[in-house]
C-alpha atoms as a PDB file:
ATOM      1  CA  MET A   1     -93.656  43.633 131.477  1.00  0.00           C
ATOM      2  CA  ILE A   2     -95.135  40.178 131.242  1.00  0.00           C
ATOM      3  CA  ASP A   3     -98.136  39.626 128.990  1.00  0.00           C
ATOM      4  CA  PRO A   4    -101.419  39.063 130.884  1.00  0.00           C
ATOM      5  CA  ASN A   5    -101.972  35.850 128.868  1.00  0.00           C
ATOM      6  CA  VAL A   6     -98.657  34.557 130.193  1.00  0.00           C
ATOM      7  CA  LEU A   7     -99.664  35.389 133.757  1.00  0.00           C
ATOM      8  CA  ARG A   8    -102.977  33.598 133.259  1.00  0.00           C
ATOM      9  CA  ALA A   9    -101.140  30.539 131.924  1.00  0.00           C
ATOM     10  CA  ILE A  10     -98.773  30.543 134.895  1.00  0.00           C
ATOM     11  CA  GLY A  11    -101.738  30.739 137.263  1.00  0.00           C
ATOM     12  CA  GLU A  12    -103.340  27.737 135.570  1.00  0.00           C
ATOM     13  CA  VAL A  13    -100.148  25.694 135.893  1.00  0.00           C
ATOM     14  CA  LEU A  14     -99.789  26.553 139.556  1.00  0.00           C
ATOM     15  CA  GLU A  15    -103.402  25.566 140.152  1.00  0.00           C
ATOM     16  CA  SER A  16    -102.882  22.261 138.337  1.00  0.00           C
ATOM     17  CA  HIS A  17    -100.001  21.579 140.744  1.00  0.00           C
ATOM     18  CA  GLY A  18    -102.176  22.328 143.757  1.00  0.00           C
ATOM     19  CA  VAL A  19    -100.716  25.781 144.374  1.00  0.00           C
ATOM     20  CA  THR A  20    -103.063  28.675 144.988  1.00  0.00           C
ATOM     21  CA  PRO A  21    -102.063  32.217 145.842  1.00  0.00           C
ATOM     22  CA  LYS A  22    -102.720  33.174 149.433  1.00  0.00           C
ATOM     23  CA  THR A  23    -105.279  35.883 150.134  1.00  0.00           C
ATOM     24  CA  GLY A  24    -103.916  39.154 148.778  1.00  0.00           C
ATOM     25  CA  GLU A  25    -100.836  37.462 147.286  1.00  0.00           C
ATOM     26  CA  ARG A  26     -99.809  38.504 143.785  1.00  0.00           C
ATOM     27  CA  LEU A  27     -99.221  35.751 141.246  1.00  0.00           C
ATOM     28  CA  ALA A  28     -95.524  36.611 141.024  1.00  0.00           C
ATOM     29  CA  ASP A  29     -95.285  36.285 144.800  1.00  0.00           C
ATOM     30  CA  ALA A  30     -96.931  32.853 144.657  1.00  0.00           C
ATOM     31  CA  VAL A  31     -94.419  31.795 141.992  1.00  0.00           C
ATOM     32  CA  SER A  32     -91.570  33.081 144.169  1.00  0.00           C
ATOM     33  CA  ARG A  33     -92.906  31.153 147.141  1.00  0.00           C
ATOM     34  CA  VAL A  34     -93.254  27.912 145.178  1.00  0.00           C
ATOM     35  CA  LEU A  35     -89.896  28.212 143.441  1.00  0.00           C
ATOM     36  CA  GLY A  36     -88.117  29.403 146.575  1.00  0.00           C
ATOM     37  CA  THR A  37     -86.787  32.449 144.766  1.00  0.00           C
ATOM     38  CA  SER A  38     -86.637  36.172 145.390  1.00  0.00           C
ATOM     39  CA  ASP A  39     -88.978  38.579 143.621  1.00  0.00           C
ATOM     40  CA  SER A  40     -86.203  39.755 141.301  1.00  0.00           C
ATOM     41  CA  GLU A  41     -85.156  36.179 140.435  1.00  0.00           C
ATOM     42  CA  THR A  42     -88.751  35.272 139.656  1.00  0.00           C
ATOM     43  CA  GLN A  43     -89.235  38.350 137.491  1.00  0.00           C
ATOM     44  CA  ARG A  44     -86.036  37.671 135.516  1.00  0.00           C
ATOM     45  CA  TRP A  45     -87.030  33.993 135.176  1.00  0.00           C
ATOM     46  CA  MET A  46     -90.523  34.753 133.835  1.00  0.00           C
ATOM     47  CA  GLU A  47     -89.141  37.414 131.485  1.00  0.00           C
ATOM     48  CA  ALA A  48     -86.546  34.991 130.112  1.00  0.00           C
ATOM     49  CA  LEU A  49     -89.225  32.357 129.512  1.00  0.00           C
ATOM     50  CA  SER A  50     -91.397  35.010 127.848  1.00  0.00           C
ATOM     51  CA  GLU A  51     -88.484  35.696 125.489  1.00  0.00           C
ATOM     52  CA  GLY A  52     -88.445  32.033 124.479  1.00  0.00           C
ATOM     53  CA  CYS A  53     -85.577  30.781 126.646  1.00  0.00           C
ATOM     54  CA  THR A  54     -85.479  27.180 127.769  1.00  0.00           C
ATOM     55  CA  VAL A  55     -86.027  26.471 131.448  1.00  0.00           C
ATOM     56  CA  GLU A  56     -82.308  25.868 131.884  1.00  0.00           C
ATOM     57  CA  GLU A  57     -81.376  29.171 130.234  1.00  0.00           C
ATOM     58  CA  ALA A  58     -84.034  31.059 132.191  1.00  0.00           C
ATOM     59  CA  ASN A  59     -82.670  29.494 135.386  1.00  0.00           C
ATOM     60  CA  ARG A  60     -79.155  30.658 134.491  1.00  0.00           C
ATOM     61  CA  ARG A  61     -80.309  34.183 133.657  1.00  0.00           C
ATOM     62  CA  ALA A  62     -82.211  34.476 136.910  1.00  0.00           C
ATOM     63  CA  GLY A  63     -79.579  32.775 139.032  1.00  0.00           C
ATOM     64  CA  ILE A  64     -81.958  29.984 140.008  1.00  0.00           C
ATOM     65  CA  ALA A  65     -80.437  26.650 140.910  1.00  0.00           C
ATOM     66  CA  SER A  66     -82.408  23.865 139.241  1.00  0.00           C
ATOM     67  CA  HIS A  67     -82.821  22.090 142.565  1.00  0.00           C
ATOM     68  CA  LYS A  68     -84.877  24.913 144.084  1.00  0.00           C
ATOM     69  CA  ALA A  69     -88.139  23.688 142.559  1.00  0.00           C
ATOM     70  CA  PRO A  70     -89.480  20.497 141.073  1.00  0.00           C
ATOM     71  CA  ASP A  71     -88.361  20.239 137.455  1.00  0.00           C
ATOM     72  CA  ASP A  72     -91.833  19.181 136.344  1.00  0.00           C
ATOM     73  CA  LEU A  73     -93.269  22.447 137.679  1.00  0.00           C
ATOM     74  CA  LEU A  74     -90.580  24.515 135.952  1.00  0.00           C
ATOM     75  CA  VAL A  75     -91.152  22.733 132.652  1.00  0.00           C
ATOM     76  CA  SER A  76     -94.938  23.013 132.995  1.00  0.00           C
ATOM     77  CA  ILE A  77     -94.708  26.757 133.555  1.00  0.00           C
ATOM     78  CA  ALA A  78     -92.322  27.156 130.619  1.00  0.00           C
ATOM     79  CA  ARG A  79     -94.657  25.201 128.329  1.00  0.00           C
ATOM     80  CA  ALA A  80     -97.637  27.260 129.450  1.00  0.00           C
ATOM     81  CA  ILE A  81     -95.745  30.481 128.720  1.00  0.00           C
ATOM     82  CA  GLY A  82     -94.743  29.215 125.279  1.00  0.00           C
ATOM     83  CA  SER A  83     -98.304  28.207 124.515  1.00  0.00           C
ATOM     84  CA  ALA A  84     -99.695  31.546 125.723  1.00  0.00           C
ATOM     85  CA  LEU A  85     -97.175  33.470 123.644  1.00  0.00           C
ATOM     86  CA  GLY A  86     -97.999  31.356 120.612  1.00  0.00           C
ATOM     87  CA  LYS A  87    -101.666  32.282 120.962  1.00  0.00           C
ATOM     88  CA  VAL A  88    -100.781  35.976 121.310  1.00  0.00           C
ATOM     89  CA  ALA A  89     -98.641  35.867 118.138  1.00  0.00           C
ATOM     90  CA  LYS A  90    -101.539  34.493 116.067  1.00  0.00           C
END
């Protein structure tokens, strides 16, 4: 299960990149849409980042090819997750 603070951070990053969930769309579904990944790939990717993996390692774990999404978005989401987890740990 992904921490609610992490989900909030992901939502903020998506918004900063001009991505908003469609009406009734879950955040994970919006991430899947933007990254061009399946629900299971997205879940594994977010879980790996929540565990402290780098973007590259999370991509490998989830089976996501780096070219599926803009690298700056992937890195921004990873940084937001790291920051959110750091705040939770305090």
